[in-house]
PDB file of N, CA and C in Angstrom:
ATOM      1  N   MET A   1       0.920  -1.032  -0.036  1.00  0.00           N
ATOM      2  CA  MET A   1       0.078   0.000  -0.071  1.00  0.00           C
ATOM      3  C   MET A   1       0.984   1.200   0.026  1.00  0.00           C
ATOM      4  N   ALA A   2       0.660   2.096  -0.614  1.00  0.00           N
ATOM      5  CA  ALA A   2       1.348   3.434  -0.826  1.00  0.00           C
ATOM      6  C   ALA A   2       0.896   4.503   0.295  1.00  0.00           C
ATOM      7  N   LEU A   3       1.945   4.924   0.995  1.00  0.00           N
ATOM      8  CA  LEU A   3       1.757   5.551   2.037  1.00  0.00           C
ATOM      9  C   LEU A   3       2.466   6.867   1.850  1.00  0.00           C
ATOM     10  N   TYR A   4       2.127   8.115   1.876  1.00  0.00           N
ATOM     11  CA  TYR A   4       2.452   9.424   1.820  1.00  0.00           C
ATOM     12  C   TYR A   4       3.653   9.809   2.824  1.00  0.00           C
ATOM     13  N   GLU A   5       4.416  10.718   2.472  1.00  0.00           N
ATOM     14  CA  GLU A   5       5.640  11.026   3.522  1.00  0.00           C
ATOM     15  C   GLU A   5       4.750  11.420   4.698  1.00  0.00           C
ATOM     16  N   SER A   6       3.481  12.303   4.770  1.00  0.00           N
ATOM     17  CA  SER A   6       2.883  12.667   6.121  1.00  0.00           C
ATOM     18  C   SER A   6       2.373  11.295   6.734  1.00  0.00           C
ATOM     19  N   GLY A   7       2.004  10.473   6.315  1.00  0.00           N
ATOM     20  CA  GLY A   7       1.560   9.209   7.013  1.00  0.00           C
ATOM     21  C   GLY A   7       2.763   8.350   7.646  1.00  0.00           C
ATOM     22  N   GLU A   8       3.593   8.336   6.771  1.00  0.00           N
ATOM     23  CA  GLU A   8       4.728   7.807   7.368  1.00  0.00           C
ATOM     24  C   GLU A   8       5.309   8.582   8.704  1.00  0.00           C
ATOM     25  N   ASN A   9       5.333   9.953   8.438  1.00  0.00           N
ATOM     26  CA  ASN A   9       5.536  10.836   9.679  1.00  0.00           C
ATOM     27  C   ASN A   9       4.705  10.504  10.803  1.00  0.00           C
ATOM     28  N   TYR A  10       3.452  10.502  10.705  1.00  0.00           N
ATOM     29  CA  TYR A  10       2.656  10.411  11.623  1.00  0.00           C
ATOM     30  C   TYR A  10       2.974   8.866  12.261  1.00  0.00           C
ATOM     31  N   LEU A  11       3.037   8.125  11.577  1.00  0.00           N
ATOM     32  CA  LEU A  11       3.228   6.455  12.202  1.00  0.00           C
ATOM     33  C   LEU A  11       4.800   6.474  12.961  1.00  0.00           C
ATOM     34  N   GLU A  12       5.805   7.387  12.382  1.00  0.00           N
ATOM     35  CA  GLU A  12       6.780   7.432  13.240  1.00  0.00           C
ATOM     36  C   GLU A  12       6.684   8.255  14.608  1.00  0.00           C
ATOM     37  N   THR A  13       5.889   9.109  14.637  1.00  0.00           N
ATOM     38  CA  THR A  13       5.596   9.939  15.539  1.00  0.00           C
ATOM     39  C   THR A  13       4.949   9.251  16.698  1.00  0.00           C
ATOM     40  N   ILE A  14       4.076   8.545  15.982  1.00  0.00           N
ATOM     41  CA  ILE A  14       3.212   7.824  17.102  1.00  0.00           C
ATOM     42  C   ILE A  14       4.267   6.767  17.816  1.00  0.00           C
ATOM     43  N   LEU A  15       5.033   6.015  16.997  1.00  0.00           N
ATOM     44  CA  LEU A  15       5.916   4.953  17.514  1.00  0.00           C
ATOM     45  C   LEU A  15       6.849   5.733  18.880  1.00  0.00           C
ATOM     46  N   VAL A  16       7.621   6.944  18.445  1.00  0.00           N
ATOM     47  CA  VAL A  16       8.368   7.745  19.194  1.00  0.00           C
ATOM     48  C   VAL A  16       7.602   8.083  20.356  1.00  0.00           C
ATOM     49  N   LEU A  17       6.347   8.608  20.279  1.00  0.00           N
ATOM     50  CA  LEU A  17       5.785   8.885  21.548  1.00  0.00           C
ATOM     51  C   LEU A  17       5.177   7.670  22.494  1.00  0.00           C
ATOM     52  N   ARG A  18       5.022   6.738  21.874  1.00  0.00           N
ATOM     53  CA  ARG A  18       4.865   5.335  22.649  1.00  0.00           C
ATOM     54  C   ARG A  18       5.922   5.119  23.228  1.00  0.00           C
ATOM     55  N   GLU A  19       7.234   4.879  22.773  1.00  0.00           N
ATOM     56  CA  GLU A  19       8.324   4.718  23.462  1.00  0.00           C
ATOM     57  C   GLU A  19       8.869   5.754  24.623  1.00  0.00           C
ATOM     58  N   ARG A  20       8.542   7.022  24.351  1.00  0.00           N
ATOM     59  CA  ARG A  20       8.913   7.864  25.431  1.00  0.00           C
ATOM     60  C   ARG A  20       7.823   7.932  26.570  1.00  0.00           C
ATOM     61  N   ASN A  21       6.292   7.845  26.109  1.00  0.00           N
ATOM     62  CA  ASN A  21       5.369   8.268  27.320  1.00  0.00           C
ATOM     63  C   ASN A  21       4.438   6.875  27.681  1.00  0.00           C
ATOM     64  N   GLY A  22       4.484   5.907  26.731  1.00  0.00           N
ATOM     65  CA  GLY A  22       3.768   4.672  27.086  1.00  0.00           C
ATOM     66  C   GLY A  22       2.579   4.655  26.273  1.00  0.00           C
ATOM     67  N   LYS A  23       1.805   5.851  26.121  1.00  0.00           N
ATOM     68  CA  LYS A  23       0.420   5.805  25.848  1.00  0.00           C
ATOM     69  C   LYS A  23       0.278   7.349  24.893  1.00  0.00           C
ATOM     70  N   VAL A  24      -0.325   7.156  23.644  1.00  0.00           N
ATOM     71  CA  VAL A  24      -0.471   8.202  22.862  1.00  0.00           C
ATOM     72  C   VAL A  24      -1.800   8.350  22.571  1.00  0.00           C
ATOM     73  N   ARG A  25      -2.236   9.994  22.547  1.00  0.00           N
ATOM     74  CA  ARG A  25      -3.376  10.551  22.101  1.00  0.00           C
ATOM     75  C   ARG A  25      -3.122  11.405  20.729  1.00  0.00           C
ATOM     76  N   SER A  26      -4.321  11.416  20.255  1.00  0.00           N
ATOM     77  CA  SER A  26      -3.839  12.261  19.037  1.00  0.00           C
ATOM     78  C   SER A  26      -3.512  13.775  19.472  1.00  0.00           C
ATOM     79  N   VAL A  27      -3.892  14.365  20.748  1.00  0.00           N
ATOM     80  CA  VAL A  27      -3.604  15.645  20.963  1.00  0.00           C
ATOM     81  C   VAL A  27      -1.651  15.633  21.382  1.00  0.00           C
ATOM     82  N   ASP A  28      -1.533  14.419  21.627  1.00  0.00           N
ATOM     83  CA  ASP A  28       0.230  14.090  21.802  1.00  0.00           C
ATOM     84  C   ASP A  28       0.718  14.420  20.499  1.00  0.00           C
ATOM     85  N   VAL A  29       0.201  13.795  19.476  1.00  0.00           N
ATOM     86  CA  VAL A  29       0.892  13.701  17.913  1.00  0.00           C
ATOM     87  C   VAL A  29       0.714  15.467  17.580  1.00  0.00           C
ATOM     88  N   ALA A  30      -0.463  15.874  17.821  1.00  0.00           N
ATOM     89  CA  ALA A  30      -0.683  17.345  17.270  1.00  0.00           C
ATOM     90  C   ALA A  30       0.406  18.365  18.083  1.00  0.00           C
ATOM     91  N   ALA A  31       0.779  18.100  19.031  1.00  0.00           N
ATOM     92  CA  ALA A  31       1.898  18.931  19.950  1.00  0.00           C
ATOM     93  C   ALA A  31       3.268  18.669  19.492  1.00  0.00           C
ATOM     94  N   GLU A  32       3.443  17.415  19.267  1.00  0.00           N
ATOM     95  CA  GLU A  32       4.497  17.027  19.032  1.00  0.00           C
ATOM     96  C   GLU A  32       5.082  17.474  17.620  1.00  0.00           C
ATOM     97  N   LEU A  33       4.142  17.396  16.393  1.00  0.00           N
ATOM     98  CA  LEU A  33       4.288  17.794  15.172  1.00  0.00           C
ATOM     99  C   LEU A  33       4.095  19.290  15.078  1.00  0.00           C
ATOM    100  N   ASP A  34       3.513  19.859  16.121  1.00  0.00           N
ATOM    101  CA  ASP A  34       3.090  21.143  15.821  1.00  0.00           C
ATOM    102  C   ASP A  34       2.201  21.545  14.814  1.00  0.00           C
ATOM    103  N   PHE A  35       0.837  20.481  14.629  1.00  0.00           N
ATOM    104  CA  PHE A  35      -0.238  20.517  13.795  1.00  0.00           C
ATOM    105  C   PHE A  35      -1.461  20.714  14.592  1.00  0.00           C
ATOM    106  N   SER A  36      -2.380  21.281  13.831  1.00  0.00           N
ATOM    107  CA  SER A  36      -3.696  21.385  14.352  1.00  0.00           C
ATOM    108  C   SER A  36      -4.394  19.932  14.676  1.00  0.00           C
ATOM    109  N   LYS A  37      -5.328  20.213  15.856  1.00  0.00           N
ATOM    110  CA  LYS A  37      -5.728  19.114  16.141  1.00  0.00           C
ATOM    111  C   LYS A  37      -6.558  18.581  15.010  1.00  0.00           C
ATOM    112  N   PRO A  38      -7.359  19.270  14.146  1.00  0.00           N
ATOM    113  CA  PRO A  38      -8.176  18.707  13.114  1.00  0.00           C
ATOM    114  C   PRO A  38      -7.328  18.018  12.157  1.00  0.00           C
ATOM    115  N   SER A  39      -6.471  18.616  11.937  1.00  0.00           N
ATOM    116  CA  SER A  39      -5.550  17.910  10.879  1.00  0.00           C
ATOM    117  C   SER A  39      -5.114  16.599  11.395  1.00  0.00           C
ATOM    118  N   VAL A  40      -4.550  16.595  12.327  1.00  0.00           N
ATOM    119  CA  VAL A  40      -4.033  15.263  13.108  1.00  0.00           C
ATOM    120  C   VAL A  40      -5.188  14.176  13.103  1.00  0.00           C
ATOM    121  N   SER A  41      -6.608  14.712  13.488  1.00  0.00           N
ATOM    122  CA  SER A  41      -7.710  13.910  13.425  1.00  0.00           C
ATOM    123  C   SER A  41      -7.735  13.216  11.885  1.00  0.00           C
ATOM    124  N   ARG A  42      -7.830  14.084  10.826  1.00  0.00           N
ATOM    125  CA  ARG A  42      -8.147  13.630   9.792  1.00  0.00           C
ATOM    126  C   ARG A  42      -7.061  12.684   9.279  1.00  0.00           C
ATOM    127  N   ALA A  43      -5.816  12.947   9.529  1.00  0.00           N
ATOM    128  CA  ALA A  43      -4.822  12.138   9.192  1.00  0.00           C
ATOM    129  C   ALA A  43      -4.590  10.434   9.745  1.00  0.00           C
ATOM    130  N   ILE A  44      -5.219  10.624  11.240  1.00  0.00           N
ATOM    131  CA  ILE A  44      -5.435   9.597  11.935  1.00  0.00           C
ATOM    132  C   ILE A  44      -6.660   8.729  11.435  1.00  0.00           C
ATOM    133  N   SER A  45      -7.666   9.156  10.960  1.00  0.00           N
ATOM    134  CA  SER A  45      -8.888   8.587  10.272  1.00  0.00           C
ATOM    135  C   SER A  45      -8.334   7.832   8.865  1.00  0.00           C
ATOM    136  N   ILE A  46      -7.482   8.477   8.361  1.00  0.00           N
ATOM    137  CA  ILE A  46      -6.919   7.652   7.098  1.00  0.00           C
ATOM    138  C   ILE A  46      -5.982   6.631   7.500  1.00  0.00           C
ATOM    139  N   LEU A  47      -5.074   6.803   8.577  1.00  0.00           N
ATOM    140  CA  LEU A  47      -4.607   5.707   8.855  1.00  0.00           C
ATOM    141  C   LEU A  47      -5.197   4.442   9.283  1.00  0.00           C
ATOM    142  N   LYS A  48      -6.303   4.677  10.087  1.00  0.00           N
ATOM    143  CA  LYS A  48      -7.337   4.009  10.638  1.00  0.00           C
ATOM    144  C   LYS A  48      -7.833   2.988   9.532  1.00  0.00           C
ATOM    145  N   LYS A  49      -8.183   3.612   8.420  1.00  0.00           N
ATOM    146  CA  LYS A  49      -8.899   3.135   7.150  1.00  0.00           C
ATOM    147  C   LYS A  49      -7.974   2.198   6.349  1.00  0.00           C
ATOM    148  N   GLU A  50      -6.479   2.692   6.604  1.00  0.00           N
ATOM    149  CA  GLU A  50      -5.388   2.062   5.888  1.00  0.00           C
ATOM    150  C   GLU A  50      -5.246   0.768   6.896  1.00  0.00           C
ATOM    151  N   GLY A  51      -5.852   0.556   7.884  1.00  0.00           N
ATOM    152  CA  GLY A  51      -5.185  -0.564   8.857  1.00  0.00           C
ATOM    153  C   GLY A  51      -3.991  -0.242   9.542  1.00  0.00           C
ATOM    154  N   LEU A  52      -3.441   0.870   9.874  1.00  0.00           N
ATOM    155  CA  LEU A  52      -2.195   0.972  10.463  1.00  0.00           C
ATOM    156  C   LEU A  52      -2.299   1.413  11.627  1.00  0.00           C
ATOM    157  N   VAL A  53      -3.476   2.072  12.011  1.00  0.00           N
ATOM    158  CA  VAL A  53      -3.767   2.791  13.462  1.00  0.00           C
ATOM    159  C   VAL A  53      -5.035   2.023  13.856  1.00  0.00           C
ATOM    160  N   ALA A  54      -5.252   2.092  15.315  1.00  0.00           N
ATOM    161  CA  ALA A  54      -6.248   1.783  16.014  1.00  0.00           C
ATOM    162  C   ALA A  54      -6.595   2.701  17.049  1.00  0.00           C
ATOM    163  N   VAL A  55      -7.747   3.069  17.442  1.00  0.00           N
ATOM    164  CA  VAL A  55      -7.867   4.056  18.643  1.00  0.00           C
ATOM    165  C   VAL A  55      -8.903   3.025  19.640  1.00  0.00           C
ATOM    166  N   ASP A  56      -8.071   2.995  20.897  1.00  0.00           N
ATOM    167  CA  ASP A  56      -8.843   2.149  21.667  1.00  0.00           C
ATOM    168  C   ASP A  56     -10.305   3.098  22.636  1.00  0.00           C
ATOM    169  N   GLU A  57     -10.963   2.373  23.450  1.00  0.00           N
ATOM    170  CA  GLU A  57     -12.189   2.994  23.988  1.00  0.00           C
ATOM    171  C   GLU A  57     -11.754   4.155  24.853  1.00  0.00           C
ATOM    172  N   ASN A  58     -10.519   4.675  25.193  1.00  0.00           N
ATOM    173  CA  ASN A  58     -10.061   5.587  25.955  1.00  0.00           C
ATOM    174  C   ASN A  58      -9.379   6.755  25.207  1.00  0.00           C
ATOM    175  N   GLY A  59      -9.392   6.429  23.688  1.00  0.00           N
ATOM    176  CA  GLY A  59      -8.818   7.745  22.820  1.00  0.00           C
ATOM    177  C   GLY A  59      -7.410   7.290  22.613  1.00  0.00           C
ATOM    178  N   PHE A  60      -6.773   6.294  23.170  1.00  0.00           N
ATOM    179  CA  PHE A  60      -5.319   6.295  22.956  1.00  0.00           C
ATOM    180  C   PHE A  60      -5.065   5.480  21.547  1.00  0.00           C
ATOM    181  N   LEU A  61      -4.220   5.802  20.723  1.00  0.00           N
ATOM    182  CA  LEU A  61      -3.920   5.461  19.505  1.00  0.00           C
ATOM    183  C   LEU A  61      -2.907   4.324  19.860  1.00  0.00           C
ATOM    184  N   GLU A  62      -3.056   3.138  19.042  1.00  0.00           N
ATOM    185  CA  GLU A  62      -2.387   1.884  18.986  1.00  0.00           C
ATOM    186  C   GLU A  62      -1.897   1.673  17.386  1.00  0.00           C
ATOM    187  N   LEU A  63      -0.602   1.320  17.135  1.00  0.00           N
ATOM    188  CA  LEU A  63      -0.138   0.857  15.974  1.00  0.00           C
ATOM    189  C   LEU A  63      -0.513  -0.785  15.902  1.00  0.00           C
ATOM    190  N   THR A  64      -1.039  -0.999  14.733  1.00  0.00           N
ATOM    191  CA  THR A  64      -1.538  -2.285  14.332  1.00  0.00           C
ATOM    192  C   THR A  64      -0.149  -2.911  13.940  1.00  0.00           C
ATOM    193  N   ALA A  65      -0.147  -4.224  13.720  1.00  0.00           N
ATOM    194  CA  ALA A  65       0.856  -4.795  13.369  1.00  0.00           C
ATOM    195  C   ALA A  65       1.803  -4.250  12.039  1.00  0.00           C
ATOM    196  N   ALA A  66       0.613  -4.096  11.144  1.00  0.00           N
ATOM    197  CA  ALA A  66       1.237  -3.501   9.765  1.00  0.00           C
ATOM    198  C   ALA A  66       1.580  -1.867  10.154  1.00  0.00           C
ATOM    199  N   GLY A  67       0.885  -1.270  11.204  1.00  0.00           N
ATOM    200  CA  GLY A  67       1.435  -0.067  11.320  1.00  0.00           C
ATOM    201  C   GLY A  67       2.799   0.408  11.962  1.00  0.00           C
ATOM    202  N   LEU A  68       2.731  -1.062  13.098  1.00  0.00           N
ATOM    203  CA  LEU A  68       4.073  -0.941  13.866  1.00  0.00           C
ATOM    204  C   LEU A  68       5.419  -1.404  12.690  1.00  0.00           C
ATOM    205  N   SER A  69       5.129  -2.181  11.829  1.00  0.00           N
ATOM    206  CA  SER A  69       5.934  -2.646  10.884  1.00  0.00           C
ATOM    207  C   SER A  69       6.571  -1.347  10.184  1.00  0.00           C
ATOM    208  N   ARG A  70       5.634  -0.759   9.597  1.00  0.00           N
ATOM    209  CA  ARG A  70       5.837   0.498   8.908  1.00  0.00           C
ATOM    210  C   ARG A  70       6.494   1.699   9.922  1.00  0.00           C
ATOM    211  N   ALA A  71       6.126   1.855  10.786  1.00  0.00           N
ATOM    212  CA  ALA A  71       6.770   2.756  11.416  1.00  0.00           C
ATOM    213  C   ALA A  71       8.074   2.488  11.917  1.00  0.00           C
ATOM    214  N   ALA A  72       8.411   1.208  12.178  1.00  0.00           N
ATOM    215  CA  ALA A  72       9.759   0.929  12.732  1.00  0.00           C
ATOM    216  C   ALA A  72      10.733   1.141  11.807  1.00  0.00           C
ATOM    217  N   ALA A  73      10.187   0.596  10.451  1.00  0.00           N
ATOM    218  CA  ALA A  73      11.097   0.654   9.075  1.00  0.00           C
ATOM    219  C   ALA A  73      11.435   2.183   8.868  1.00  0.00           C
ATOM    220  N   VAL A  74      10.425   2.934   9.141  1.00  0.00           N
ATOM    221  CA  VAL A  74      11.030   4.529   8.820  1.00  0.00           C
ATOM    222  C   VAL A  74      11.786   4.867   9.911  1.00  0.00           C
ATOM    223  N   PHE A  75      11.489   4.602  11.130  1.00  0.00           N
ATOM    224  CA  PHE A  75      12.225   4.942  12.208  1.00  0.00           C
ATOM    225  C   PHE A  75      13.990   4.430  12.135  1.00  0.00           C
ATOM    226  N   ASP A  76      13.846   3.189  11.505  1.00  0.00           N
ATOM    227  CA  ASP A  76      15.093   2.790  11.281  1.00  0.00           C
ATOM    228  C   ASP A  76      15.994   3.469  10.259  1.00  0.00           C
ATOM    229  N   ARG A  77      15.017   3.608   9.244  1.00  0.00           N
ATOM    230  CA  ARG A  77      15.570   4.580   8.100  1.00  0.00           C
ATOM    231  C   ARG A  77      16.254   5.810   8.558  1.00  0.00           C
ATOM    232  N   HIS A  78      15.621   6.503   9.238  1.00  0.00           N
ATOM    233  CA  HIS A  78      15.748   7.807   9.807  1.00  0.00           C
ATOM    234  C   HIS A  78      17.071   7.961  10.526  1.00  0.00           C
ATOM    235  N   ASN A  79      17.150   6.660  11.508  1.00  0.00           N
ATOM    236  CA  ASN A  79      18.133   7.020  12.422  1.00  0.00           C
ATOM    237  C   ASN A  79      19.521   6.311  11.446  1.00  0.00           C
ATOM    238  N   ILE A  80      19.226   5.412  10.555  1.00  0.00           N
ATOM    239  CA  ILE A  80      20.535   5.267   9.602  1.00  0.00           C
ATOM    240  C   ILE A  80      21.170   6.552   9.200  1.00  0.00           C
ATOM    241  N   ILE A  81      19.979   6.885   8.301  1.00  0.00           N
ATOM    242  CA  ILE A  81      20.467   8.401   7.577  1.00  0.00           C
ATOM    243  C   ILE A  81      21.126   9.574   8.652  1.00  0.00           C
ATOM    244  N   ALA A  82      20.475   9.569   9.476  1.00  0.00           N
ATOM    245  CA  ALA A  82      20.801  10.938  10.514  1.00  0.00           C
ATOM    246  C   ALA A  82      22.345  10.317  10.790  1.00  0.00           C
ATOM    247  N   GLY A  83      22.757   9.061  11.052  1.00  0.00           N
ATOM    248  CA  GLY A  83      23.975   8.402  11.582  1.00  0.00           C
ATOM    249  C   GLY A  83      24.793   8.526  10.392  1.00  0.00           C
ATOM    250  N   TYR A  84      24.627   8.302   9.318  1.00  0.00           N
ATOM    251  CA  TYR A  84      25.330   8.421   8.228  1.00  0.00           C
ATOM    252  C   TYR A  84      25.894  10.040   7.883  1.00  0.00           C
ATOM    253  N   LEU A  85      24.950  11.039   7.914  1.00  0.00           N
ATOM    254  CA  LEU A  85      25.028  12.339   7.580  1.00  0.00           C
ATOM    255  C   LEU A  85      26.115  12.830   9.146  1.00  0.00           C
ATOM    256  N   ARG A  86      25.694  12.429  10.298  1.00  0.00           N
ATOM    257  CA  ARG A  86      26.606  12.814  11.484  1.00  0.00           C
ATOM    258  C   ARG A  86      27.941  12.205  11.553  1.00  0.00           C
ATOM    259  N   ASP A  87      27.937  10.990  11.333  1.00  0.00           N
ATOM    260  CA  ASP A  87      29.278  10.002  11.689  1.00  0.00           C
ATOM    261  C   ASP A  87      30.155   9.987  10.559  1.00  0.00           C
ATOM    262  N   VAL A  88      29.616   9.803   9.400  1.00  0.00           N
ATOM    263  CA  VAL A  88      30.490   9.554   7.927  1.00  0.00           C
ATOM    264  C   VAL A  88      30.636  11.148   7.689  1.00  0.00           C
ATOM    265  N   LEU A  89      29.690  11.843   7.387  1.00  0.00           N
ATOM    266  CA  LEU A  89      30.047  13.259   6.653  1.00  0.00           C
ATOM    267  C   LEU A  89      30.231  14.284   7.779  1.00  0.00           C
ATOM    268  N   GLY A  90      30.104  14.190   8.939  1.00  0.00           N
ATOM    269  CA  GLY A  90      30.405  15.122   9.856  1.00  0.00           C
ATOM    270  C   GLY A  90      29.183  16.417   9.880  1.00  0.00           C
ATOM    271  N   VAL A  91      27.987  16.133   9.707  1.00  0.00           N
ATOM    272  CA  VAL A  91      26.998  16.945   9.740  1.00  0.00           C
ATOM    273  C   VAL A  91      26.657  17.046  11.370  1.00  0.00           C
ATOM    274  N   ASP A  92      26.328  18.344  11.706  1.00  0.00           N
ATOM    275  CA  ASP A  92      26.035  18.456  13.072  1.00  0.00           C
ATOM    276  C   ASP A  92      24.715  17.759  13.424  1.00  0.00           C
ATOM    277  N   GLU A  93      24.418  17.484  14.681  1.00  0.00           N
ATOM    278  CA  GLU A  93      23.185  16.666  14.840  1.00  0.00           C
ATOM    279  C   GLU A  93      22.008  17.314  14.640  1.00  0.00           C
ATOM    280  N   VAL A  94      21.794  18.563  15.071  1.00  0.00           N
ATOM    281  CA  VAL A  94      20.565  19.070  14.629  1.00  0.00           C
ATOM    282  C   VAL A  94      20.395  18.791  13.148  1.00  0.00           C
ATOM    283  N   THR A  95      21.287  19.518  12.490  1.00  0.00           N
ATOM    284  CA  THR A  95      20.897  19.315  10.893  1.00  0.00           C
ATOM    285  C   THR A  95      20.781  17.834  10.355  1.00  0.00           C
ATOM    286  N   ALA A  96      21.709  16.966  10.821  1.00  0.00           N
ATOM    287  CA  ALA A  96      21.477  15.652  10.779  1.00  0.00           C
ATOM    288  C   ALA A  96      20.178  15.073  10.709  1.00  0.00           C
ATOM    289  N   GLN A  97      19.315  15.252  11.871  1.00  0.00           N
ATOM    290  CA  GLN A  97      17.980  15.039  12.144  1.00  0.00           C
ATOM    291  C   GLN A  97      17.013  15.597  11.281  1.00  0.00           C
ATOM    292  N   GLU A  98      17.216  17.178  11.058  1.00  0.00           N
ATOM    293  CA  GLU A  98      16.480  17.683  10.164  1.00  0.00           C
ATOM    294  C   GLU A  98      16.361  16.840   8.822  1.00  0.00           C
ATOM    295  N   ASP A  99      17.528  16.875   8.145  1.00  0.00           N
ATOM    296  CA  ASP A  99      17.655  16.615   6.969  1.00  0.00           C
ATOM    297  C   ASP A  99      17.441  15.052   6.688  1.00  0.00           C
ATOM    298  N   ALA A 100      17.309  14.221   7.758  1.00  0.00           N
ATOM    299  CA  ALA A 100      17.057  12.670   7.663  1.00  0.00           C
ATOM    300  C   ALA A 100      15.498  12.676   7.504  1.00  0.00           C
ATOM    301  N   CYS A 101      14.868  13.546   8.415  1.00  0.00           N
ATOM    302  CA  CYS A 101      13.437  13.544   8.270  1.00  0.00           C
ATOM    303  C   CYS A 101      12.883  13.800   6.669  1.00  0.00           C
ATOM    304  N   ARG A 102      13.681  14.632   6.144  1.00  0.00           N
ATOM    305  CA  ARG A 102      13.345  14.960   4.721  1.00  0.00           C
ATOM    306  C   ARG A 102      13.645  13.597   3.894  1.00  0.00           C
ATOM    307  N   ILE A 103      14.784  13.281   4.014  1.00  0.00           N
ATOM    308  CA  ILE A 103      15.515  12.367   2.922  1.00  0.00           C
ATOM    309  C   ILE A 103      14.749  11.013   3.421  1.00  0.00           C
ATOM    310  N   GLU A 104      14.554  10.407   4.233  1.00  0.00           N
ATOM    311  CA  GLU A 104      14.111   9.109   4.502  1.00  0.00           C
ATOM    312  C   GLU A 104      12.762   8.783   3.537  1.00  0.00           C
ATOM    313  N   HIS A 105      12.261   9.919   3.308  1.00  0.00           N
ATOM    314  CA  HIS A 105      10.889   9.224   2.359  1.00  0.00           C
ATOM    315  C   HIS A 105      11.244   9.172   0.771  1.00  0.00           C
ATOM    316  N   VAL A 106      12.272   9.847   0.735  1.00  0.00           N
ATOM    317  CA  VAL A 106      12.359  10.041  -1.045  1.00  0.00           C
ATOM    318  C   VAL A 106      13.749   9.185  -1.303  1.00  0.00           C
ATOM    319  N   LEU A 107      14.684   8.766  -0.546  1.00  0.00           N
ATOM    320  CA  LEU A 107      15.879   7.890  -1.027  1.00  0.00           C
ATOM    321  C   LEU A 107      15.523   6.845  -1.384  1.00  0.00           C
ATOM    322  N   SER A 108      16.001   6.442  -2.371  1.00  0.00           N
ATOM    323  CA  SER A 108      15.979   4.614  -2.973  1.00  0.00           C
ATOM    324  C   SER A 108      16.712   3.782  -1.991  1.00  0.00           C
ATOM    325  N   GLU A 109      16.128   2.642  -2.463  1.00  0.00           N
ATOM    326  CA  GLU A 109      16.508   1.567  -1.374  1.00  0.00           C
ATOM    327  C   GLU A 109      18.055   1.402  -1.567  1.00  0.00           C
ATOM    328  N   ASN A 110      18.425   1.271  -2.962  1.00  0.00           N
ATOM    329  CA  ASN A 110      19.918   1.132  -3.192  1.00  0.00           C
ATOM    330  C   ASN A 110      20.740   2.081  -2.486  1.00  0.00           C
ATOM    331  N   SER A 111      20.173   3.472  -2.727  1.00  0.00           N
ATOM    332  CA  SER A 111      21.127   4.431  -1.914  1.00  0.00           C
ATOM    333  C   SER A 111      21.189   4.258  -0.319  1.00  0.00           C
ATOM    334  N   PHE A 112      20.044   3.800   0.144  1.00  0.00           N
ATOM    335  CA  PHE A 112      19.746   3.835   1.545  1.00  0.00           C
ATOM    336  C   PHE A 112      20.650   2.501   1.927  1.00  0.00           C
ATOM    337  N   GLN A 113      20.457   1.360   1.297  1.00  0.00           N
ATOM    338  CA  GLN A 113      21.641   0.225   1.506  1.00  0.00           C
ATOM    339  C   GLN A 113      22.843   0.504   1.479  1.00  0.00           C
ATOM    340  N   LYS A 114      23.460   1.501   0.431  1.00  0.00           N
ATOM    341  CA  LYS A 114      24.943   1.746   0.520  1.00  0.00           C
ATOM    342  C   LYS A 114      24.982   2.770   1.841  1.00  0.00           C
ATOM    343  N   MET A 115      24.255   3.579   2.045  1.00  0.00           N
ATOM    344  CA  MET A 115      24.665   4.572   3.290  1.00  0.00           C
ATOM    345  C   MET A 115      24.709   3.438   4.509  1.00  0.00           C
ATOM    346  N   LYS A 116      23.726   2.684   4.632  1.00  0.00           N
ATOM    347  CA  LYS A 116      23.697   1.640   5.865  1.00  0.00           C
ATOM    348  C   LYS A 116      25.011   0.971   5.658  1.00  0.00           C
ATOM    349  N   GLU A 117      25.656   0.324   4.879  1.00  0.00           N
ATOM    350  CA  GLU A 117      26.667  -0.259   4.747  1.00  0.00           C
ATOM    351  C   GLU A 117      28.052   0.392   4.956  1.00  0.00           C
ATOM    352  N   ARG A 118      27.985   2.011   4.270  1.00  0.00           N
ATOM    353  CA  ARG A 118      29.043   2.771   4.877  1.00  0.00           C
ATOM    354  C   ARG A 118      29.228   3.038   6.526  1.00  0.00           C
ATOM    355  N   LEU A 119      28.050   3.176   6.622  1.00  0.00           N
ATOM    356  CA  LEU A 119      27.832   3.741   8.271  1.00  0.00           C
ATOM    357  C   LEU A 119      28.199   2.478   9.258  1.00  0.00           C
ATOM    358  N   CYS A 120      27.923   1.256   8.546  1.00  0.00           N
ATOM    359  CA  CYS A 120      28.455   0.069   9.543  1.00  0.00           C
ATOM    360  C   CYS A 120      29.888  -0.159   9.378  1.00  0.00           C
ATOM    361  N   ALA A 121      30.373   0.141   8.271  1.00  0.00           N
ATOM    362  CA  ALA A 121      31.937  -0.149   7.915  1.00  0.00           C
ATOM    363  C   ALA A 121      32.584   1.046   8.950  1.00  0.00           C
ATOM    364  N   ASN A 122      32.233   2.207   8.973  1.00  0.00           N
ATOM    365  CA  ASN A 122      32.689   3.391   9.555  1.00  0.00           C
ATOM    366  C   ASN A 122      32.669   3.144  11.154  1.00  0.00           C
ATOM    367  N   ASP A 123      31.659   2.498  11.707  1.00  0.00           N
ATOM    368  CA  ASP A 123      31.318   2.025  13.103  1.00  0.00           C
ATOM    369  C   ASP A 123      32.464   1.124  13.399  1.00  0.00           C
ATOM    370  N   ARG A 124      32.850  -0.025  12.557  1.00  0.00           N
ATOM    371  CA  ARG A 124      33.778  -0.852  12.735  1.00  0.00           C
ATOM    372  C   ARG A 124      35.372  -0.455  12.995  1.00  0.00           C
ATOM    373  N   ARG A 125      35.625   0.684  12.053  1.00  0.00           N
ATOM    374  CA  ARG A 125      36.819   1.287  11.962  1.00  0.00           C
ATOM    375  C   ARG A 125      36.885   2.178  13.291  1.00  0.00           C
ATOM    376  N   GLY A 126      35.734   2.480  13.699  1.00  0.00           N
ATOM    377  CA  GLY A 126      35.766   3.303  15.036  1.00  0.00           C
ATOM    378  C   GLY A 126      36.872   3.829  15.565  1.00  0.00           C
TER     379      GLY A 126
END
């Protein structure tokens, strides 16, 4: 299923907030991303229809198995790209994180794998 950059960002944010806080509500996502509550509500509705997010009876967001898989993949991709920018290229942490957020959605799988290989090789030389 094709998921746009914004959908991937929502999934990744839910995953990060869940790790940080345990439970996640739409209002937490809105605050984290600095988006309006109606925008987040609309996005969560789309993610629910796609079978990636569920909302429990208390309004907490839960990633489905498919949503968790997708969020973890995006999060891993983000961390590898940020690490490559920071550790291999010497980019400062803030810039590396910001750039990784943009790059993670458009980078080809081939380029990503090459980055990952180089980052791992760089770590071994340490």
